[in-house]
Protein backbone atom coordinates (compact mmCIF):
# COMPACT_ATOMS: atom_id res chain seq x y z
CA UNK A 1 90.11 127.15 112.70
CA UNK A 2 90.92 124.68 115.44
CA UNK A 3 94.22 125.29 117.24
CA UNK A 4 96.49 122.60 116.16
CA UNK A 5 99.70 123.31 118.01
CA UNK A 6 99.99 124.83 121.43
CA UNK A 7 103.01 125.95 123.54
CA UNK A 8 102.14 126.43 127.26
CA UNK A 9 104.96 128.03 129.56
CA UNK A 10 104.62 127.46 132.87
CA UNK A 11 107.00 130.02 134.99
CA UNK A 12 107.06 132.13 138.07
CA UNK A 13 104.98 134.50 136.07
CA UNK A 14 101.16 133.72 135.17
CA UNK A 15 101.19 130.71 132.33
CA UNK A 16 101.22 132.01 128.70
CA UNK A 17 99.94 129.83 126.00
CA UNK A 18 100.87 130.03 122.18
CA UNK A 19 99.03 128.68 119.33
CA UNK A 20 101.07 127.14 116.22
CA UNK A 21 99.97 124.62 113.31
CA UNK A 22 100.17 120.79 114.19
CA UNK A 23 98.17 118.84 116.74
CA UNK A 24 100.79 118.70 119.49
CA UNK A 25 100.75 120.34 122.67
CA UNK A 26 104.01 121.42 124.62
CA UNK A 27 104.13 122.49 128.23
CA UNK A 28 107.39 124.23 129.38
CA UNK A 29 107.99 124.57 133.25
CA UNK A 30 110.65 126.23 135.50
CA UNK A 31 111.60 129.28 133.65
CA UNK A 32 110.99 132.67 134.26
CA UNK A 33 108.66 135.13 132.47
CA UNK A 34 111.51 137.05 130.43
CA UNK A 35 112.70 133.52 129.15
CA UNK A 36 108.86 132.72 128.24
CA UNK A 37 108.76 135.31 125.64
CA UNK A 38 112.51 134.70 124.28
CA UNK A 39 111.43 130.99 123.94
CA UNK A 40 108.01 131.79 122.21
CA UNK A 41 109.71 133.90 119.56
CA UNK A 42 112.52 131.50 118.81
CA UNK A 43 110.26 128.73 118.61
CA UNK A 44 107.94 130.64 116.22
CA UNK A 45 110.56 131.46 114.12
CA UNK A 46 112.23 127.81 114.09
CA UNK A 47 109.38 125.34 114.28
CA UNK A 48 106.60 127.03 112.88
CA UNK A 49 107.38 127.00 108.98
CA UNK A 50 108.80 123.10 109.45
CA UNK A 51 105.51 122.04 111.07
CA UNK A 52 103.35 123.64 108.59
CA UNK A 53 105.31 122.34 105.53
CA UNK A 54 106.06 118.74 106.69
CA UNK A 55 102.53 118.14 108.54
CA UNK A 56 100.84 118.95 105.04
CA UNK A 57 102.73 115.95 103.37
CA UNK A 58 101.18 113.36 105.70
CA UNK A 59 97.76 114.54 104.26
CA UNK A 60 96.16 112.03 101.86
CA UNK A 61 96.50 114.58 99.13
CA UNK A 62 100.15 115.15 99.39
CA UNK A 63 101.38 111.48 100.78
CA UNK A 64 100.18 109.45 98.10
CA UNK A 65 101.30 111.27 94.80
CA UNK A 66 104.84 111.23 96.62
CA UNK A 67 104.75 107.89 97.72
CA UNK A 68 103.67 106.52 94.27
CA UNK A 69 106.42 108.60 92.53
CA UNK A 70 108.85 106.78 94.81
CA UNK A 71 107.36 103.59 93.74
CA UNK A 72 107.56 104.32 89.90
CA UNK A 73 111.04 105.96 90.29
CA UNK A 74 112.67 105.17 93.36
CA UNK A 75 112.97 109.04 94.22
CA UNK A 76 110.93 111.29 96.37
CA UNK A 77 110.01 114.66 95.63
CA UNK A 78 112.42 117.14 96.65
CA UNK A 79 109.95 119.03 99.36
CA UNK A 80 109.62 115.51 100.78
CA UNK A 81 112.45 114.99 103.02
CA UNK A 82 110.36 113.74 105.90
CA UNK A 83 109.06 110.89 103.84
CA UNK A 84 112.47 109.84 102.78
CA UNK A 85 114.04 110.16 106.54
CA UNK A 86 110.90 107.77 107.46
CA UNK A 87 111.47 105.17 104.80
CA UNK A 88 115.31 104.76 105.25
CA UNK A 89 114.77 104.78 109.03
CA UNK A 90 111.67 102.07 108.82
CA UNK A 91 113.91 100.01 106.24
CA UNK A 92 116.84 99.90 108.59
CA UNK A 93 114.83 98.74 111.18
CA UNK A 94 113.19 95.57 108.76
CA UNK A 95 116.82 94.84 107.85
CA UNK A 96 118.15 94.73 111.56
CA UNK A 97 114.95 93.60 113.74
CA UNK A 98 112.81 91.66 110.84
CA UNK A 99 109.88 92.52 113.39
CA UNK A 100 108.21 95.23 111.05
CA UNK A 101 108.56 97.40 108.11
CA UNK A 102 106.41 100.04 106.12
CA UNK A 103 106.09 98.17 102.58
CA UNK A 104 102.49 97.63 102.46
CA UNK A 105 101.04 100.80 101.16
CA UNK A 106 99.37 99.22 98.32
CA UNK A 107 97.69 97.05 100.86
CA UNK A 108 96.66 99.59 102.89
CA UNK A 109 94.98 101.47 100.00
CA UNK A 110 93.16 98.37 99.04
CA UNK A 111 92.09 98.25 102.86
CA UNK A 112 90.82 101.41 102.96
CA UNK A 113 88.71 100.93 99.80
CA UNK A 114 87.41 97.73 101.03
CA UNK A 115 83.54 97.52 102.38
CA UNK A 116 82.38 96.01 105.58
CA UNK A 117 80.57 92.99 103.75
CA UNK A 118 83.16 92.04 101.32
CA UNK A 119 86.93 91.76 102.32
CA UNK A 120 90.05 91.83 100.12
CA UNK A 121 91.04 88.76 98.52
CA UNK A 122 93.47 87.40 101.39
CA UNK A 123 95.39 84.68 98.81
CA UNK A 124 96.22 87.62 96.61
CA UNK A 125 97.36 89.95 99.10
CA UNK A 126 99.56 87.44 100.75
CA UNK A 127 101.09 86.44 97.59
CA UNK A 128 101.87 90.16 96.81
CA UNK A 129 103.36 90.40 100.32
CA UNK A 130 105.87 87.65 99.91
CA UNK A 131 106.93 89.14 96.53
CA UNK A 132 107.57 92.55 98.08
CA UNK A 133 109.73 90.74 101.06
CA UNK A 134 111.67 88.91 98.47
CA UNK A 135 112.96 92.16 97.11
CA UNK A 136 116.09 93.83 98.10
CA UNK A 137 118.58 96.48 96.60
CA UNK A 138 117.02 98.84 93.35
CA UNK A 139 114.42 96.49 92.70
CA UNK A 140 112.91 97.32 96.12
CA UNK A 141 110.30 100.05 95.11
CA UNK A 142 107.11 99.28 96.92
CA UNK A 143 104.05 101.69 97.76
CA UNK A 144 105.29 102.49 101.15
CA UNK A 145 103.12 102.67 104.07
CA UNK A 146 104.32 105.76 106.18
CA UNK A 147 101.76 108.21 107.03
CA UNK A 148 101.68 106.46 111.17
CA UNK A 149 105.62 106.19 111.12
CA UNK A 150 106.54 109.65 109.60
CA UNK A 151 104.37 111.03 112.29
CA UNK A 152 106.40 109.74 114.81
CA UNK A 153 109.63 110.79 112.94
CA UNK A 154 108.19 114.35 112.80
CA UNK A 155 107.52 114.39 116.54
CA UNK A 156 111.26 112.97 117.31
CA UNK A 157 112.45 116.25 115.08
CA UNK A 158 109.92 118.75 116.60
CA UNK A 159 110.89 117.40 120.38
CA UNK A 160 114.73 117.45 119.42
CA UNK A 161 114.45 121.18 118.27
CA UNK A 162 112.27 122.17 121.37
CA UNK A 163 114.65 120.35 123.86
CA UNK A 164 117.63 121.99 122.20
CA UNK A 165 116.21 125.46 122.46
CA UNK A 166 114.93 124.96 125.93
CA UNK A 167 117.96 122.94 127.92
CA UNK A 168 120.94 124.82 126.08
CA UNK A 169 119.74 127.74 127.76
CA UNK A 170 117.56 126.73 130.58
CA UNK A 171 118.95 123.37 131.60
CA UNK A 172 116.73 123.25 134.76
CA UNK A 173 113.39 123.56 132.67
CA UNK A 174 111.00 120.36 132.33
CA UNK A 175 109.46 119.92 129.03
CA UNK A 176 106.10 118.08 128.27
CA UNK A 177 105.14 117.36 124.93
CA UNK A 178 101.74 115.60 124.07
CA UNK A 179 100.28 114.45 120.98
CA UNK A 180 96.74 112.61 121.18
CA UNK A 181 97.82 109.24 123.10
CA UNK A 182 101.33 109.97 122.61
CA UNK A 183 103.25 111.69 125.29
CA UNK A 184 107.21 112.52 126.02
CA UNK A 185 108.92 114.16 129.43
CA UNK A 186 112.14 115.41 129.49
CA UNK A 187 114.13 117.32 132.30
CA UNK A 188 114.76 117.22 136.11
CA UNK A 189 111.02 116.53 136.76
CA UNK A 190 109.11 113.41 135.90
CA UNK A 191 105.35 113.23 135.44
CA UNK A 192 102.94 110.98 136.33
CA UNK A 193 100.44 109.55 133.54
CA UNK A 194 98.27 106.62 132.79
CA UNK A 195 98.95 104.27 129.85
CA UNK A 196 95.81 103.87 127.89
CA UNK A 197 94.13 106.91 129.71
CA UNK A 198 92.61 104.11 132.06
CA UNK A 199 89.85 105.75 134.38
CA UNK A 200 89.99 102.59 136.28
CA UNK A 201 92.03 102.22 139.57
CA UNK A 202 95.17 99.75 137.95
CA UNK A 203 98.21 100.60 139.37
CA UNK A 204 99.84 98.31 136.17
CA UNK A 205 98.48 101.70 133.86
CA UNK A 206 99.98 104.37 136.56
CA UNK A 207 103.55 104.94 135.47
CA UNK A 208 106.17 107.49 136.38
CA UNK A 209 107.43 109.02 133.17
CA UNK A 210 110.79 111.00 132.84
CA UNK A 211 113.84 111.43 130.17
CA UNK A 212 111.39 109.10 127.74
CA UNK A 213 108.29 108.98 125.69
CA UNK A 214 104.98 107.09 125.95
CA UNK A 215 103.39 105.67 122.81
CA UNK A 216 100.24 103.62 122.54
CA UNK A 217 99.04 101.68 119.65
CA UNK A 218 96.25 99.59 118.62
CA UNK A 219 93.72 101.40 120.39
CA UNK A 220 89.97 100.70 120.12
CA UNK A 221 89.16 103.86 118.54
CA UNK A 222 92.27 103.77 116.42
CA UNK A 223 89.98 102.73 113.21
CA UNK A 224 91.17 100.94 109.91
CA UNK A 225 93.43 103.74 108.96
CA UNK A 226 95.85 103.03 111.92
CA UNK A 227 95.50 99.05 111.60
CA UNK A 228 98.63 97.06 112.48
CA UNK A 229 99.81 94.66 109.56
CA UNK A 230 101.13 91.20 110.34
CA UNK A 231 104.57 91.67 108.86
CA UNK A 232 104.61 88.64 106.52
CA UNK A 233 101.37 89.23 104.98
CA UNK A 234 99.32 91.91 104.31
CA UNK A 235 96.45 91.73 106.78
CA UNK A 236 95.64 93.37 109.73
CA UNK A 237 96.21 91.88 113.08
CA UNK A 238 92.92 90.79 114.45
CA UNK A 239 92.06 90.59 118.00
CA UNK A 240 95.33 91.97 118.88
CA UNK A 241 96.00 93.93 122.06
CA UNK A 242 96.38 97.52 122.51
CA UNK A 243 100.19 98.27 123.55
CA UNK A 244 101.88 101.08 125.42
CA UNK A 245 105.78 101.15 125.04
CA UNK A 246 108.24 103.65 126.64
CA UNK A 247 111.41 104.30 124.75
CA UNK A 248 113.94 106.73 123.98
CA UNK A 249 112.24 108.29 120.70
CA UNK A 250 108.77 108.06 119.21
CA UNK A 251 110.13 106.26 116.17
CA UNK A 252 111.58 103.62 117.91
CA UNK A 253 108.44 103.41 119.98
CA UNK A 254 106.38 103.40 117.24
CA UNK A 255 108.25 100.41 115.61
CA UNK A 256 108.06 98.59 118.62
CA UNK A 257 104.58 99.08 119.31
CA UNK A 258 103.27 97.77 116.01
CA UNK A 259 105.66 94.67 116.16
CA UNK A 260 104.59 93.77 119.72
CA UNK A 261 100.96 93.89 118.64
CA UNK A 262 101.37 91.73 115.84
CA UNK A 263 103.70 89.05 117.78
CA UNK A 264 102.27 86.03 119.69
CA UNK A 265 102.15 86.16 123.45
CA UNK A 266 104.78 83.69 123.54
CA UNK A 267 107.11 86.03 121.68
CA UNK A 268 106.43 89.40 123.56
CA UNK A 269 109.33 89.42 125.81
CA UNK A 270 111.65 88.56 123.51
CA UNK A 271 110.60 91.02 121.00
CA UNK A 272 112.18 93.91 123.60
CA UNK A 273 115.66 94.28 122.09
CA UNK A 274 116.88 96.68 125.13
CA UNK A 275 116.62 96.90 128.49
CA UNK A 276 115.51 100.82 128.19
CA UNK A 277 112.37 99.59 126.08
CA UNK A 278 109.43 98.71 128.16
CA UNK A 279 105.82 97.62 127.38
CA UNK A 280 102.39 96.88 128.70
CA UNK A 281 99.72 94.97 126.71
CA UNK A 282 95.61 95.14 127.36
CA UNK A 283 94.29 92.01 125.83
CA UNK A 284 91.73 92.18 123.37
CA UNK A 285 88.45 91.00 125.07
CA UNK A 286 84.97 90.28 123.34
CA UNK A 287 83.17 91.57 126.11
CA UNK A 288 84.10 95.55 126.42
CA UNK A 289 82.65 95.75 129.53
CA UNK A 290 84.85 92.82 131.18
CA UNK A 291 87.60 93.82 133.54
CA UNK A 292 90.76 94.67 131.26
CA UNK A 293 93.55 91.99 131.45
CA UNK A 294 96.98 93.19 131.41
CA UNK A 295 100.23 91.60 130.54
CA UNK A 296 103.75 93.60 131.50
CA UNK A 297 107.24 93.40 130.47
CA UNK A 298 110.06 92.96 133.21
CA UNK A 299 110.93 96.31 132.69
CA UNK A 300 107.67 98.01 132.82
CA UNK A 301 107.37 97.34 136.77
CA UNK A 302 110.41 99.57 137.24
CA UNK A 303 108.62 102.83 136.08
CA UNK A 304 105.46 102.18 138.18
CA UNK A 305 104.14 104.92 140.40
CA UNK A 306 104.03 102.17 142.75
CA UNK A 307 107.30 100.55 142.27
CA UNK A 308 108.43 99.69 145.34
CA UNK A 309 105.26 97.34 145.60
CA UNK A 310 106.09 95.40 142.47
CA UNK A 311 109.79 94.90 142.77
CA UNK A 312 110.93 91.35 142.41
CA UNK A 313 114.42 90.09 143.57
CA UNK A 314 114.09 86.33 142.32
CA UNK A 315 112.86 84.63 139.26
CA UNK A 316 112.79 80.80 138.77
CA UNK A 317 114.45 78.38 136.66
CA UNK A 318 113.31 75.05 135.54
CA UNK A 319 115.67 72.69 134.36
CA UNK A 320 113.49 69.75 132.83
CA UNK A 321 114.90 66.21 131.42
CA UNK A 322 112.34 64.79 128.55
CA UNK A 323 113.49 61.12 128.25
CA UNK A 324 114.46 59.61 124.87
CA UNK A 325 111.69 57.46 123.55
CA UNK A 326 110.93 55.26 120.60
CA UNK A 327 111.44 56.51 117.32
CA UNK A 328 107.78 57.20 116.18
CA UNK A 329 106.61 58.26 119.64
CA UNK A 330 104.85 61.88 119.65
CA UNK A 331 106.60 64.72 121.75
CA UNK A 332 104.87 65.09 125.10
CA UNK A 333 102.77 68.39 125.85
CA UNK A 334 103.88 69.32 129.28
CA UNK A 335 102.36 71.82 131.90
CA UNK A 336 103.67 73.35 134.80
CA UNK A 337 101.68 75.18 137.38
CA UNK A 338 101.58 76.45 140.99
CA UNK A 339 99.23 75.82 143.71
CA UNK A 340 98.61 76.64 147.37
CA UNK A 341 96.33 74.97 149.53
CA UNK A 342 94.94 73.27 146.74
CA UNK A 343 93.94 76.72 145.13
CA UNK A 344 95.55 77.72 141.56
CA UNK A 345 98.27 80.31 141.81
CA UNK A 346 99.71 80.72 138.26
CA UNK A 347 100.63 78.93 135.22
CA UNK A 348 104.66 78.43 134.84
CA UNK A 349 104.84 76.73 131.51
CA UNK A 350 102.87 75.05 128.57
CA UNK A 351 104.33 73.02 125.96
CA UNK A 352 101.90 72.08 123.41
CA UNK A 353 100.16 74.32 120.66
CA UNK A 354 96.89 72.19 119.92
CA UNK A 355 94.29 72.74 122.32
CA UNK A 356 92.31 69.62 121.37
CA UNK A 357 95.15 67.78 123.18
CA UNK A 358 95.42 69.77 126.40
CA UNK A 359 92.53 67.62 128.02
CA UNK A 360 95.54 64.54 128.11
CA UNK A 361 96.87 66.62 130.70
CA UNK A 362 94.14 65.37 132.80
CA UNK A 363 95.00 67.01 136.42
CA UNK A 364 96.18 70.40 134.63
CA UNK A 365 93.22 70.11 132.56
CA UNK A 366 90.80 69.94 135.80
CA UNK A 367 92.27 73.17 137.20
CA UNK A 368 92.59 74.91 133.97
CA UNK A 369 88.94 74.49 133.31
CA UNK A 370 88.07 76.45 136.72
CA UNK A 371 89.99 79.69 135.73
CA UNK A 372 87.62 82.04 134.27
CA UNK A 373 88.99 83.96 131.16
CA UNK A 374 91.97 82.18 130.75
CA UNK A 375 93.20 81.57 127.34
CA UNK A 376 96.24 79.24 127.75
CA UNK A 377 96.45 78.54 123.85
CA UNK A 378 98.00 81.98 123.80
CA UNK A 379 100.58 80.97 126.47
CA UNK A 380 101.50 77.79 124.55
CA UNK A 381 104.96 76.90 123.21
CA UNK A 382 106.16 74.38 120.91
CA UNK A 383 106.79 70.79 122.03
CA UNK A 384 110.26 69.94 122.75
CA UNK A 385 112.39 66.80 121.60
CA UNK A 386 114.38 64.58 124.14
CA UNK A 387 116.82 66.18 126.20
CA UNK A 388 117.34 68.87 128.65
CA UNK A 389 115.70 72.27 128.38
CA UNK A 390 115.73 75.37 130.49
CA UNK A 391 112.94 77.83 131.07
CA UNK A 392 112.58 81.11 133.22
CA UNK A 393 109.67 82.25 134.97
CA UNK A 394 109.26 85.83 136.35
CA UNK A 395 107.43 84.80 139.48
CA UNK A 396 104.80 87.11 139.23
CA UNK A 397 101.23 86.12 139.62
CA UNK A 398 98.69 86.97 136.69
CA UNK A 399 97.73 90.40 137.56
CA UNK A 400 101.98 91.04 137.90
CA UNK A 401 102.37 91.15 141.65
CA UNK A 402 105.51 89.27 142.60
CA UNK A 403 104.91 85.68 144.09
CA UNK A 404 104.10 86.37 147.96
CA UNK A 405 106.44 84.25 150.34
CA UNK A 406 104.79 81.04 151.23
CA UNK A 407 104.87 77.48 150.62
CA UNK A 408 103.34 76.22 147.37
CA UNK A 409 103.08 73.03 145.51
CA UNK A 410 104.82 73.24 141.86
CA UNK A 411 102.76 70.44 139.61
CA UNK A 412 104.57 69.18 136.63
CA UNK A 413 102.58 67.13 134.16
CA UNK A 414 103.23 65.44 131.04
CA UNK A 415 101.24 63.35 128.31
CA UNK A 416 101.70 61.94 124.76
CA UNK A 417 99.30 61.46 122.19
CA UNK A 418 98.67 57.31 122.22
CA UNK A 419 101.35 57.15 124.98
CA UNK A 420 102.28 57.48 128.44
CA UNK A 421 101.06 60.28 131.20
CA UNK A 422 103.14 61.23 134.34
CA UNK A 423 103.02 63.93 136.98
CA UNK A 424 105.40 65.07 139.49
CA UNK A 425 104.60 67.25 142.80
CA UNK A 426 107.50 69.35 144.07
CA UNK A 427 106.73 71.23 147.68
CA UNK A 428 108.23 74.64 147.16
CA UNK A 429 108.93 77.41 149.98
CA UNK A 430 109.05 80.73 148.36
CA UNK A 431 111.67 82.85 147.96
CA UNK A 432 113.53 79.56 147.47
CA UNK A 433 116.58 79.02 149.45
CA UNK A 434 117.94 75.66 147.97
CA UNK A 435 117.62 74.04 144.53
CA UNK A 436 114.79 71.36 144.49
CA UNK A 437 115.32 68.07 142.53
CA UNK A 438 113.09 65.10 141.47
CA UNK A 439 113.42 62.12 139.29
CA UNK A 440 110.24 61.22 137.00
CA UNK A 441 110.11 57.74 135.68
CA UNK A 442 108.26 57.42 132.29
CA UNK A 443 107.26 60.75 130.40
CA UNK A 444 109.46 62.97 132.43
CA UNK A 445 112.93 62.59 133.46
CA UNK A 446 115.33 64.68 136.04
CA UNK A 447 113.77 68.00 137.21
CA UNK A 448 115.58 70.76 138.76
CA UNK A 449 114.25 74.08 140.41
CA UNK A 450 116.44 77.13 141.46
CA UNK A 451 115.89 80.90 142.07
CA UNK A 452 117.82 83.20 139.71
CA UNK A 453 118.39 86.96 140.56
CA UNK A 454 116.26 89.36 138.72
CA UNK A 455 119.01 91.27 137.24
CA UNK A 456 121.36 88.08 136.09
CA UNK A 457 121.30 87.71 132.46
CA UNK A 458 118.95 84.89 131.40
CA UNK A 459 120.31 81.77 129.52
CA UNK A 460 117.05 80.02 129.55
CA UNK A 461 114.27 80.61 127.34
CA UNK A 462 111.92 83.15 128.92
CA UNK A 463 108.44 81.98 130.17
CA UNK A 464 105.38 84.32 129.64
CA UNK A 465 103.73 86.22 132.65
CA UNK A 466 101.33 83.88 134.28
CA UNK A 467 98.19 82.96 132.69
């Protein structure tokens, strides 16, 4: 039988390996040979029976009857405390965050039975999804979709037991847990790991893990069984990015990863509720041989192995006035981008979500079309009504590097369907020492540009990393 759980103890003596059930690998370093024997015996007694029972609950032959009992009676089987705990945690997350839930078990079964040539009825699934999301209280009895999330809950429980066993007696020890593409590192020693197990030399994937977990979702080899749902309809996310998340627990990281896969690129940063969470997205690409494209949250850069080279002290705040127009006038499309010596550098802002109108922004469109592989419609936000609007740009280039010091031109262009068109150019020296002011004439009003410390709380709308 294949070994499903291994405990590797690294101390002053030769390394020893213990094999237990559950596809988990645990490495403990920094303890003596005598302590190794004590820890092996303790974990065999406390962890082995629980892992055997709970892991079996996640197999189809036990999981689906338990889930069906809950859907019928609102009660879980007596031995299914793991599933009950996972359901309560996932529902609490949905009620608080409204970003992901575990209610689409029936849809999961439909999709697993579907053939490659005949997809499920999307209208029917969407209708059933809306009914499920409208249920509350005792009326809420869906067929839960918990096999993925319950793995994360089980890992948290196992990790806590191992941490308690190790650190209560050997606080100097370091603990590394690994489960497939998921990892955790706790203790005084940090661990260098690669997100997405990248073999390419990309510094954005090379992080230093310490006192946290790393969880990855929507990987190319995940398969239909692990598909991520759009939380408002029972339909898998198509062409969504792979996501790597670091957080304080596997359960939190799992829910964040599902939510961050399903949201639009414009919503990604706002979907990370705490600074202790960080994420890296690997964009979906039709050509698997093409160079991967990454997008990182602001907190991701601080845990890079080469963090010093990626530090950013300033971000750029753009305050933009859109003049009041006639009552029937369309709202303008607006683009802001940065150039240097006539060469494109970064996209700061794009307002307008209908790509067919982008060509009305003529100067921007000529330069945008020269940027290979850039999907500007994924960076776009909604048009804005007349008045003042604030936007915050992270001052990073498309590959995530901080904007180098130097002289740039900030371009702003606005155009309306059936209306006017206007472009402004502001010379900008970075880092910015003084605010920049300029007054538009027709489609643009006053423009103010100033630097903000990265650590300052942002009151403006966050602008996506450059595209």
